[in-house]
Amino acid sequence: MQGNENQEEKAWWLATKYVISDFATAQKISQLMLEFSKQLETSTELVHSTCSLDEWKAYKRAAARIYIEMFVYVLEPLFKKHSSLKPPDWD
């Protein structure tokens, strides 16, 4: 477990240190990530409505990992650096 925590710390440090500086690029990345978030949610709903409970649970866990990576390591640092990009309902 210790190794995973160290990797996560390093990933967070890199994400916050090397966050995108160019505002136009940050804005486009923000838009793409938020759109992807909606698509990921739609895909989860699709699996829930068409697959077995076990398949849905497995898919939901995998989708949750993607959400976490995207929000913690991409969007949070981006919004910290470019606060004007943060959606009003973000917090």
C-alpha atoms as a PDB file:
ATOM      1  CA  MET A   1       0.000   0.000   0.000  1.00  0.00           C
ATOM      2  CA  GLN A   2       2.853   2.366   0.817  1.00  0.00           C
ATOM      3  CA  GLY A   3       4.117   2.177  -2.790  1.00  0.00           C
ATOM      4  CA  ASN A   4       0.716   3.201  -4.185  1.00  0.00           C
ATOM      5  CA  GLU A   5       0.515   6.148  -1.797  1.00  0.00           C
ATOM      6  CA  ASN A   6       3.976   7.324  -2.885  1.00  0.00           C
ATOM      7  CA  GLN A   7       3.002   7.012  -6.549  1.00  0.00           C
ATOM      8  CA  GLU A   8      -0.191   8.975  -5.945  1.00  0.00           C
ATOM      9  CA  GLU A   9       1.742  11.684  -4.089  1.00  0.00           C
ATOM     10  CA  LYS A  10       4.228  11.923  -6.941  1.00  0.00           C
ATOM     11  CA  ALA A  11       1.422  12.075  -9.513  1.00  0.00           C
ATOM     12  CA  TRP A  12      -0.315  14.853  -7.561  1.00  0.00           C
ATOM     13  CA  TRP A  13       2.944  16.776  -7.210  1.00  0.00           C
ATOM     14  CA  LEU A  14       3.646  16.509 -10.951  1.00  0.00           C
ATOM     15  CA  ALA A  15       0.071  17.455 -11.851  1.00  0.00           C
ATOM     16  CA  THR A  16       0.202  20.588  -9.722  1.00  0.00           C
ATOM     17  CA  LYS A  17       3.747  21.562 -10.676  1.00  0.00           C
ATOM     18  CA  TYR A  18       3.331  21.158 -14.415  1.00  0.00           C
ATOM     19  CA  VAL A  19      -0.259  22.316 -14.864  1.00  0.00           C
ATOM     20  CA  ILE A  20      -1.031  23.913 -18.238  1.00  0.00           C
ATOM     21  CA  SER A  21      -0.100  27.588 -18.214  1.00  0.00           C
ATOM     22  CA  ASP A  22      -1.557  28.673 -21.542  1.00  0.00           C
ATOM     23  CA  PHE A  23      -5.101  29.872 -20.834  1.00  0.00           C
ATOM     24  CA  ALA A  24      -6.569  28.967 -24.238  1.00  0.00           C
ATOM     25  CA  THR A  25      -5.197  25.435 -23.983  1.00  0.00           C
ATOM     26  CA  ALA A  26      -6.390  25.128 -20.383  1.00  0.00           C
ATOM     27  CA  GLN A  27      -9.845  26.297 -21.452  1.00  0.00           C
ATOM     28  CA  LYS A  28     -10.029  23.707 -24.231  1.00  0.00           C
ATOM     29  CA  ILE A  29      -8.784  20.918 -21.940  1.00  0.00           C
ATOM     30  CA  SER A  30     -11.353  21.933 -19.323  1.00  0.00           C
ATOM     31  CA  GLN A  31     -14.147  21.785 -21.889  1.00  0.00           C
ATOM     32  CA  LEU A  32     -12.975  18.420 -23.228  1.00  0.00           C
ATOM     33  CA  MET A  33     -12.648  16.875 -19.764  1.00  0.00           C
ATOM     34  CA  LEU A  34     -16.085  18.094 -18.685  1.00  0.00           C
ATOM     35  CA  GLU A  35     -17.614  16.748 -21.915  1.00  0.00           C
ATOM     36  CA  PHE A  36     -15.828  13.450 -21.374  1.00  0.00           C
ATOM     37  CA  SER A  37     -17.182  13.341 -17.837  1.00  0.00           C
ATOM     38  CA  LYS A  38     -20.717  13.574 -19.206  1.00  0.00           C
ATOM     39  CA  GLN A  39     -19.991  10.869 -21.779  1.00  0.00           C
ATOM     40  CA  LEU A  40     -18.562   8.624 -19.086  1.00  0.00           C
ATOM     41  CA  GLU A  41     -21.699   9.124 -17.011  1.00  0.00           C
ATOM     42  CA  THR A  42     -23.857   8.285 -20.045  1.00  0.00           C
ATOM     43  CA  SER A  43     -21.846   5.130 -20.643  1.00  0.00           C
ATOM     44  CA  THR A  44     -22.355   4.090 -17.030  1.00  0.00           C
ATOM     45  CA  GLU A  45     -26.114   4.582 -17.386  1.00  0.00           C
ATOM     46  CA  LEU A  46     -26.075   2.505 -20.577  1.00  0.00           C
ATOM     47  CA  VAL A  47     -24.281  -0.373 -18.889  1.00  0.00           C
ATOM     48  CA  HIS A  48     -26.647  -0.143 -15.925  1.00  0.00           C
ATOM     49  CA  SER A  49     -29.698  -0.392 -18.149  1.00  0.00           C
ATOM     50  CA  THR A  50     -28.460  -3.158 -20.449  1.00  0.00           C
ATOM     51  CA  CYS A  51     -26.053  -5.386 -18.525  1.00  0.00           C
ATOM     52  CA  SER A  52     -26.057  -7.652 -15.516  1.00  0.00           C
ATOM     53  CA  LEU A  53     -25.640  -6.229 -12.028  1.00  0.00           C
ATOM     54  CA  ASP A  54     -22.131  -7.680 -11.744  1.00  0.00           C
ATOM     55  CA  GLU A  55     -21.102  -6.190 -15.090  1.00  0.00           C
ATOM     56  CA  TRP A  56     -22.509  -2.822 -14.092  1.00  0.00           C
ATOM     57  CA  LYS A  57     -20.707  -2.863 -10.741  1.00  0.00           C
ATOM     58  CA  ALA A  58     -17.404  -3.724 -12.407  1.00  0.00           C
ATOM     59  CA  TYR A  59     -17.886  -1.048 -15.046  1.00  0.00           C
ATOM     60  CA  LYS A  60     -18.895   1.520 -12.437  1.00  0.00           C
ATOM     61  CA  ARG A  61     -15.707   0.838 -10.451  1.00  0.00           C
ATOM     62  CA  ALA A  62     -13.586   1.265 -13.569  1.00  0.00           C
ATOM     63  CA  ALA A  63     -15.418   4.454 -14.536  1.00  0.00           C
ATOM     64  CA  ALA A  64     -14.959   5.820 -11.016  1.00  0.00           C
ATOM     65  CA  ARG A  65     -11.192   5.379 -11.312  1.00  0.00           C
ATOM     66  CA  ILE A  66     -11.225   7.355 -14.539  1.00  0.00           C
ATOM     67  CA  TYR A  67     -13.290  10.113 -12.887  1.00  0.00           C
ATOM     68  CA  ILE A  68     -10.892  10.324  -9.968  1.00  0.00           C
ATOM     69  CA  GLU A  69      -7.823  10.548 -12.187  1.00  0.00           C
ATOM     70  CA  MET A  70      -9.444  13.169 -14.382  1.00  0.00           C
ATOM     71  CA  PHE A  71     -10.764  15.328 -11.551  1.00  0.00           C
ATOM     72  CA  VAL A  72      -7.856  15.052  -9.111  1.00  0.00           C
ATOM     73  CA  TYR A  73      -4.919  15.129 -11.519  1.00  0.00           C
ATOM     74  CA  VAL A  74      -6.253  17.227 -14.402  1.00  0.00           C
ATOM     75  CA  LEU A  75      -9.204  19.445 -13.507  1.00  0.00           C
ATOM     76  CA  GLU A  76      -8.445  20.400  -9.902  1.00  0.00           C
ATOM     77  CA  PRO A  77      -4.911  21.643 -10.695  1.00  0.00           C
ATOM     78  CA  LEU A  78      -6.198  23.341 -13.839  1.00  0.00           C
ATOM     79  CA  PHE A  79      -8.941  25.170 -11.939  1.00  0.00           C
ATOM     80  CA  LYS A  80      -6.518  26.107  -9.186  1.00  0.00           C
ATOM     81  CA  LYS A  81      -4.254  27.796 -11.719  1.00  0.00           C
ATOM     82  CA  HIS A  82      -7.077  29.212 -13.869  1.00  0.00           C
ATOM     83  CA  SER A  83      -9.889  29.837 -11.408  1.00  0.00           C
ATOM     84  CA  SER A  84     -12.057  31.568 -14.003  1.00  0.00           C
ATOM     85  CA  LEU A  85     -12.468  28.211 -15.764  1.00  0.00           C
ATOM     86  CA  LYS A  86     -14.023  26.571 -12.706  1.00  0.00           C
ATOM     87  CA  PRO A  87     -17.724  25.867 -13.250  1.00  0.00           C
ATOM     88  CA  PRO A  88     -20.015  27.668 -10.766  1.00  0.00           C
ATOM     89  CA  ASP A  89     -21.225  24.383  -9.267  1.00  0.00           C
ATOM     90  CA  TRP A  90     -17.750  22.856  -8.965  1.00  0.00           C
ATOM     91  CA  ASP A  91     -17.297  23.107  -5.167  1.00  0.00           C
END
